[in-house]
């Protein structure tokens, strides 16, 4: 049970990180810095890939779709 709680806390942490990179990427995109917005997202992806968390990967792929629109 303690391990499940820790896992849930990790998922919440990584979702917060995904949200941070999403907002920063959107801000950079709004400022006309498309290349920087994508590099910010790539930085986050490298962090998330280490954890192999499917939920976070899904969130990140959704962020890519929004940034590419």
PDB file of N, CA and C in Angstrom:
ATOM      1  N   UNK A   1       0.824  -1.188   0.000  1.00  0.00           N
ATOM      2  CA  UNK A   1       0.000   0.000   0.000  1.00  0.00           C
ATOM      3  C   UNK A   1       0.870   1.254   0.000  1.00  0.00           C
ATOM      4  N   UNK A   2       1.917   1.244   0.803  1.00  0.00           N
ATOM      5  CA  UNK A   2       2.814   2.394   0.849  1.00  0.00           C
ATOM      6  C   UNK A   2       3.484   2.607  -0.514  1.00  0.00           C
ATOM      7  N   UNK A   3       3.805   1.509  -1.185  1.00  0.00           N
ATOM      8  CA  UNK A   3       4.431   1.597  -2.504  1.00  0.00           C
ATOM      9  C   UNK A   3       3.463   2.195  -3.524  1.00  0.00           C
ATOM     10  N   UNK A   4       2.174   1.823  -3.441  1.00  0.00           N
ATOM     11  CA  UNK A   4       1.166   2.377  -4.342  1.00  0.00           C
ATOM     12  C   UNK A   4       1.019   3.878  -4.131  1.00  0.00           C
ATOM     13  N   UNK A   5       1.025   4.309  -2.885  1.00  0.00           N
ATOM     14  CA  UNK A   5       0.916   5.728  -2.576  1.00  0.00           C
ATOM     15  C   UNK A   5       2.114   6.490  -3.129  1.00  0.00           C
ATOM     16  N   UNK A   6       3.282   5.932  -2.976  1.00  0.00           N
ATOM     17  CA  UNK A   6       4.492   6.554  -3.504  1.00  0.00           C
ATOM     18  C   UNK A   6       4.424   6.648  -5.025  1.00  0.00           C
ATOM     19  N   UNK A   7       3.931   5.594  -5.667  1.00  0.00           N
ATOM     20  CA  UNK A   7       3.787   5.591  -7.120  1.00  0.00           C
ATOM     21  C   UNK A   7       2.810   6.677  -7.569  1.00  0.00           C
ATOM     22  N   UNK A   8       1.694   6.827  -6.861  1.00  0.00           N
ATOM     23  CA  UNK A   8       0.722   7.868  -7.190  1.00  0.00           C
ATOM     24  C   UNK A   8       1.322   9.258  -7.011  1.00  0.00           C
ATOM     25  N   UNK A   9       2.112   9.441  -5.965  1.00  0.00           N
ATOM     26  CA  UNK A   9       2.775  10.728  -5.758  1.00  0.00           C
ATOM     27  C   UNK A   9       3.738  11.024  -6.901  1.00  0.00           C
ATOM     28  N   UNK A  10       4.441  10.005  -7.373  1.00  0.00           N
ATOM     29  CA  UNK A  10       5.351  10.190  -8.503  1.00  0.00           C
ATOM     30  C   UNK A  10       4.591  10.586  -9.759  1.00  0.00           C
ATOM     31  N   UNK A  11       3.459   9.945 -10.010  1.00  0.00           N
ATOM     32  CA  UNK A  11       2.647  10.277 -11.179  1.00  0.00           C
ATOM     33  C   UNK A  11       2.181  11.724 -11.093  1.00  0.00           C
ATOM     34  N   UNK A  12       1.717  12.140  -9.921  1.00  0.00           N
ATOM     35  CA  UNK A  12       1.281  13.525  -9.737  1.00  0.00           C
ATOM     36  C   UNK A  12       2.442  14.480  -9.975  1.00  0.00           C
ATOM     37  N   UNK A  13       3.615  14.160  -9.460  1.00  0.00           N
ATOM     38  CA  UNK A  13       4.796  15.000  -9.668  1.00  0.00           C
ATOM     39  C   UNK A  13       5.091  15.153 -11.156  1.00  0.00           C
ATOM     40  N   UNK A  14       5.084  14.047 -11.887  1.00  0.00           N
ATOM     41  CA  UNK A  14       5.408  14.118 -13.306  1.00  0.00           C
ATOM     42  C   UNK A  14       4.318  14.826 -14.104  1.00  0.00           C
ATOM     43  N   UNK A  15       3.078  14.726 -13.679  1.00  0.00           N
ATOM     44  CA  UNK A  15       2.023  15.485 -14.347  1.00  0.00           C
ATOM     45  C   UNK A  15       2.215  16.978 -14.107  1.00  0.00           C
ATOM     46  N   UNK A  16       2.657  17.345 -12.914  1.00  0.00           N
ATOM     47  CA  UNK A  16       2.960  18.752 -12.648  1.00  0.00           C
ATOM     48  C   UNK A  16       4.100  19.217 -13.538  1.00  0.00           C
ATOM     49  N   UNK A  17       5.107  18.372 -13.700  1.00  0.00           N
ATOM     50  CA  UNK A  17       6.224  18.715 -14.582  1.00  0.00           C
ATOM     51  C   UNK A  17       5.734  18.874 -16.019  1.00  0.00           C
ATOM     52  N   UNK A  18       4.859  17.965 -16.454  1.00  0.00           N
ATOM     53  CA  UNK A  18       4.315  18.050 -17.810  1.00  0.00           C
ATOM     54  C   UNK A  18       3.545  19.351 -17.989  1.00  0.00           C
ATOM     55  N   UNK A  19       2.768  19.728 -16.988  1.00  0.00           N
ATOM     56  CA  UNK A  19       2.023  20.982 -17.051  1.00  0.00           C
ATOM     57  C   UNK A  19       2.971  22.171 -17.120  1.00  0.00           C
ATOM     58  N   UNK A  20       4.046  22.152 -16.343  1.00  0.00           N
ATOM     59  CA  UNK A  20       5.034  23.224 -16.380  1.00  0.00           C
ATOM     60  C   UNK A  20       5.607  23.372 -17.790  1.00  0.00           C
ATOM     61  N   UNK A  21       6.030  22.260 -18.391  1.00  0.00           N
ATOM     62  CA  UNK A  21       6.609  22.331 -19.729  1.00  0.00           C
ATOM     63  C   UNK A  21       5.567  22.756 -20.760  1.00  0.00           C
ATOM     64  N   UNK A  22       4.315  22.341 -20.566  1.00  0.00           N
ATOM     65  CA  UNK A  22       3.237  22.760 -21.464  1.00  0.00           C
ATOM     66  C   UNK A  22       3.059  24.273 -21.410  1.00  0.00           C
ATOM     67  N   UNK A  23       2.941  24.811 -20.202  1.00  0.00           N
ATOM     68  CA  UNK A  23       2.728  26.253 -20.064  1.00  0.00           C
ATOM     69  C   UNK A  23       3.927  27.055 -20.559  1.00  0.00           C
ATOM     70  N   UNK A  24       5.114  26.605 -20.239  1.00  0.00           N
ATOM     71  CA  UNK A  24       6.316  27.302 -20.708  1.00  0.00           C
ATOM     72  C   UNK A  24       6.401  27.231 -22.233  1.00  0.00           C
ATOM     73  N   UNK A  25       6.098  26.072 -22.788  1.00  0.00           N
ATOM     74  CA  UNK A  25       6.111  25.915 -24.242  1.00  0.00           C
ATOM     75  C   UNK A  25       5.080  26.802 -24.917  1.00  0.00           C
ATOM     76  N   UNK A  26       3.876  26.880 -24.334  1.00  0.00           N
ATOM     77  CA  UNK A  26       2.828  27.744 -24.896  1.00  0.00           C
ATOM     78  C   UNK A  26       3.238  29.209 -24.827  1.00  0.00           C
ATOM     79  N   UNK A  27       3.853  29.621 -23.728  1.00  0.00           N
ATOM     80  CA  UNK A  27       4.309  31.000 -23.591  1.00  0.00           C
ATOM     81  C   UNK A  27       5.369  31.318 -24.645  1.00  0.00           C
ATOM     82  N   UNK A  28       6.339  30.435 -24.795  1.00  0.00           N
ATOM     83  CA  UNK A  28       7.377  30.649 -25.803  1.00  0.00           C
ATOM     84  C   UNK A  28       6.780  30.682 -27.207  1.00  0.00           C
ATOM     85  N   UNK A  29       5.801  29.827 -27.457  1.00  0.00           N
ATOM     86  CA  UNK A  29       5.143  29.802 -28.758  1.00  0.00           C
ATOM     87  C   UNK A  29       4.402  31.113 -29.009  1.00  0.00           C
ATOM     88  N   UNK A  30       3.721  31.614 -27.980  1.00  0.00           N
ATOM     89  CA  UNK A  30       2.998  32.884 -28.104  1.00  0.00           C
ATOM     90  C   UNK A  30       3.950  34.049 -28.364  1.00  0.00           C
ATOM     91  N   UNK A  31       5.161  33.930 -27.860  1.00  0.00           N
ATOM     92  CA  UNK A  31       6.165  34.971 -28.074  1.00  0.00           C
ATOM     93  C   UNK A  31       6.889  34.800 -29.409  1.00  0.00           C
ATOM     94  N   UNK A  32       6.478  33.806 -30.183  1.00  0.00           N
ATOM     95  CA  UNK A  32       7.080  33.578 -31.490  1.00  0.00           C
ATOM     96  C   UNK A  32       8.354  32.759 -31.448  1.00  0.00           C
ATOM     97  N   UNK A  33       8.592  32.074 -30.375  1.00  0.00           N
ATOM     98  CA  UNK A  33       9.812  31.274 -30.194  1.00  0.00           C
ATOM     99  C   UNK A  33       9.493  29.792 -30.369  1.00  0.00           C
ATOM    100  N   UNK A  34       9.057  29.418 -31.574  1.00  0.00           N
ATOM    101  CA  UNK A  34       8.632  28.036 -31.802  1.00  0.00           C
ATOM    102  C   UNK A  34       9.762  27.036 -31.531  1.00  0.00           C
ATOM    103  N   UNK A  35      10.974  27.352 -31.975  1.00  0.00           N
ATOM    104  CA  UNK A  35      12.097  26.430 -31.769  1.00  0.00           C
ATOM    105  C   UNK A  35      12.381  26.238 -30.278  1.00  0.00           C
ATOM    106  N   UNK A  36      12.351  27.335 -29.522  1.00  0.00           N
ATOM    107  CA  UNK A  36      12.595  27.231 -28.079  1.00  0.00           C
ATOM    108  C   UNK A  36      11.477  26.462 -27.385  1.00  0.00           C
ATOM    109  N   UNK A  37      10.242  26.641 -27.867  1.00  0.00           N
ATOM    110  CA  UNK A  37       9.132  25.924 -27.236  1.00  0.00           C
ATOM    111  C   UNK A  37       9.304  24.421 -27.415  1.00  0.00           C
ATOM    112  N   UNK A  38       9.753  24.006 -28.594  1.00  0.00           N
ATOM    113  CA  UNK A  38       9.969  22.579 -28.829  1.00  0.00           C
ATOM    114  C   UNK A  38      11.159  22.061 -28.030  1.00  0.00           C
ATOM    115  N   UNK A  39      12.217  22.865 -27.888  1.00  0.00           N
ATOM    116  CA  UNK A  39      13.373  22.395 -27.111  1.00  0.00           C
ATOM    117  C   UNK A  39      13.011  22.270 -25.629  1.00  0.00           C
ATOM    118  N   UNK A  40      12.136  23.154 -25.149  1.00  0.00           N
ATOM    119  CA  UNK A  40      11.659  23.053 -23.769  1.00  0.00           C
ATOM    120  C   UNK A  40      10.909  21.744 -23.573  1.00  0.00           C
ATOM    121  N   UNK A  41      10.088  21.418 -24.537  1.00  0.00           N
ATOM    122  CA  UNK A  41       9.336  20.172 -24.466  1.00  0.00           C
ATOM    123  C   UNK A  41      10.260  18.958 -24.548  1.00  0.00           C
ATOM    124  N   UNK A  42      11.267  19.033 -25.401  1.00  0.00           N
ATOM    125  CA  UNK A  42      12.237  17.934 -25.500  1.00  0.00           C
ATOM    126  C   UNK A  42      12.954  17.716 -24.169  1.00  0.00           C
ATOM    127  N   UNK A  43      13.274  18.792 -23.497  1.00  0.00           N
ATOM    128  CA  UNK A  43      13.933  18.701 -22.191  1.00  0.00           C
ATOM    129  C   UNK A  43      13.058  17.911 -21.214  1.00  0.00           C
ATOM    130  N   UNK A  44      11.784  18.208 -21.220  1.00  0.00           N
ATOM    131  CA  UNK A  44      10.856  17.483 -20.371  1.00  0.00           C
ATOM    132  C   UNK A  44      10.714  16.027 -20.767  1.00  0.00           C
ATOM    133  N   UNK A  45      10.706  15.766 -22.068  1.00  0.00           N
ATOM    134  CA  UNK A  45      10.581  14.386 -22.536  1.00  0.00           C
ATOM    135  C   UNK A  45      11.742  13.528 -22.064  1.00  0.00           C
ATOM    136  N   UNK A  46      12.936  14.085 -22.077  1.00  0.00           N
ATOM    137  CA  UNK A  46      14.091  13.312 -21.608  1.00  0.00           C
ATOM    138  C   UNK A  46      13.919  12.929 -20.143  1.00  0.00           C
ATOM    139  N   UNK A  47      13.381  13.829 -19.357  1.00  0.00           N
ATOM    140  CA  UNK A  47      13.121  13.545 -17.948  1.00  0.00           C
ATOM    141  C   UNK A  47      12.080  12.434 -17.810  1.00  0.00           C
ATOM    142  N   UNK A  48      11.000  12.531 -18.566  1.00  0.00           N
ATOM    143  CA  UNK A  48       9.913  11.573 -18.438  1.00  0.00           C
ATOM    144  C   UNK A  48      10.284  10.209 -18.986  1.00  0.00           C
ATOM    145  N   UNK A  49      11.106  10.167 -20.028  1.00  0.00           N
ATOM    146  CA  UNK A  49      11.500   8.881 -20.606  1.00  0.00           C
ATOM    147  C   UNK A  49      12.217   8.011 -19.586  1.00  0.00           C
ATOM    148  N   UNK A  50      12.926   8.617 -18.657  1.00  0.00           N
ATOM    149  CA  UNK A  50      13.640   7.849 -17.641  1.00  0.00           C
ATOM    150  C   UNK A  50      12.670   7.062 -16.764  1.00  0.00           C
ATOM    151  N   UNK A  51      11.493   7.574 -16.577  1.00  0.00           N
ATOM    152  CA  UNK A  51      10.523   6.934 -15.693  1.00  0.00           C
ATOM    153  C   UNK A  51       9.633   5.924 -16.411  1.00  0.00           C
ATOM    154  N   UNK A  52       9.589   5.969 -17.726  1.00  0.00           N
ATOM    155  CA  UNK A  52       8.759   5.044 -18.499  1.00  0.00           C
ATOM    156  C   UNK A  52       7.309   5.039 -18.014  1.00  0.00           C
ATOM    157  N   UNK A  53       6.771   6.192 -17.774  1.00  0.00           N
ATOM    158  CA  UNK A  53       5.412   6.307 -17.264  1.00  0.00           C
ATOM    159  C   UNK A  53       4.462   6.569 -18.432  1.00  0.00           C
ATOM    160  N   UNK A  54       3.575   5.637 -18.711  1.00  0.00           N
ATOM    161  CA  UNK A  54       2.686   5.748 -19.865  1.00  0.00           C
ATOM    162  C   UNK A  54       1.745   6.943 -19.767  1.00  0.00           C
ATOM    163  N   UNK A  55       1.256   7.234 -18.584  1.00  0.00           N
ATOM    164  CA  UNK A  55       0.352   8.369 -18.429  1.00  0.00           C
ATOM    165  C   UNK A  55       1.054   9.676 -18.777  1.00  0.00           C
ATOM    166  N   UNK A  56       2.265   9.815 -18.329  1.00  0.00           N
ATOM    167  CA  UNK A  56       3.027  11.025 -18.618  1.00  0.00           C
ATOM    168  C   UNK A  56       3.339  11.099 -20.104  1.00  0.00           C
ATOM    169  N   UNK A  57       3.704   9.981 -20.712  1.00  0.00           N
ATOM    170  CA  UNK A  57       3.988   9.967 -22.140  1.00  0.00           C
ATOM    171  C   UNK A  57       2.754  10.380 -22.936  1.00  0.00           C
ATOM    172  N   UNK A  58       1.580   9.939 -22.497  1.00  0.00           N
ATOM    173  CA  UNK A  58       0.343  10.328 -23.165  1.00  0.00           C
ATOM    174  C   UNK A  58       0.123  11.836 -23.019  1.00  0.00           C
ATOM    175  N   UNK A  59       0.369  12.362 -21.830  1.00  0.00           N
ATOM    176  CA  UNK A  59       0.233  13.795 -21.588  1.00  0.00           C
ATOM    177  C   UNK A  59       1.191  14.572 -22.478  1.00  0.00           C
ATOM    178  N   UNK A  60       2.428  14.110 -22.569  1.00  0.00           N
ATOM    179  CA  UNK A  60       3.425  14.785 -23.392  1.00  0.00           C
ATOM    180  C   UNK A  60       3.031  14.740 -24.866  1.00  0.00           C
ATOM    181  N   UNK A  61       2.515  13.619 -25.342  1.00  0.00           N
ATOM    182  CA  UNK A  61       2.114  13.548 -26.750  1.00  0.00           C
ATOM    183  C   UNK A  61       0.960  14.508 -27.020  1.00  0.00           C
ATOM    184  N   UNK A  62       0.075  14.687 -26.044  1.00  0.00           N
ATOM    185  CA  UNK A  62      -0.998  15.671 -26.190  1.00  0.00           C
ATOM    186  C   UNK A  62      -0.432  17.081 -26.258  1.00  0.00           C
ATOM    187  N   UNK A  63       0.615  17.335 -25.489  1.00  0.00           N
ATOM    188  CA  UNK A  63       1.257  18.645 -25.520  1.00  0.00           C
ATOM    189  C   UNK A  63       1.853  18.897 -26.901  1.00  0.00           C
ATOM    190  N   UNK A  64       2.502  17.897 -27.478  1.00  0.00           N
ATOM    191  CA  UNK A  64       3.057  18.046 -28.823  1.00  0.00           C
ATOM    192  C   UNK A  64       1.970  18.439 -29.813  1.00  0.00           C
ATOM    193  N   UNK A  65       0.814  17.784 -29.731  1.00  0.00           N
ATOM    194  CA  UNK A  65      -0.280  18.084 -30.646  1.00  0.00           C
ATOM    195  C   UNK A  65      -0.715  19.538 -30.520  1.00  0.00           C
ATOM    196  N   UNK A  66      -0.809  20.031 -29.299  1.00  0.00           N
ATOM    197  CA  UNK A  66      -1.225  21.419 -29.080  1.00  0.00           C
ATOM    198  C   UNK A  66      -0.180  22.383 -29.616  1.00  0.00           C
ATOM    199  N   UNK A  67       1.084  22.113 -29.342  1.00  0.00           N
ATOM    200  CA  UNK A  67       2.147  23.013 -29.798  1.00  0.00           C
ATOM    201  C   UNK A  67       2.275  23.029 -31.313  1.00  0.00           C
ATOM    202  N   UNK A  68       1.979  21.916 -31.951  1.00  0.00           N
ATOM    203  CA  UNK A  68       2.111  21.856 -33.405  1.00  0.00           C
ATOM    204  C   UNK A  68       0.937  22.497 -34.128  1.00  0.00           C
ATOM    205  N   UNK A  69      -0.157  22.763 -33.423  1.00  0.00           N
ATOM    206  CA  UNK A  69      -1.330  23.398 -34.059  1.00  0.00           C
ATOM    207  C   UNK A  69      -1.102  24.845 -34.374  1.00  0.00           C
TER     208      UNK A  69
END
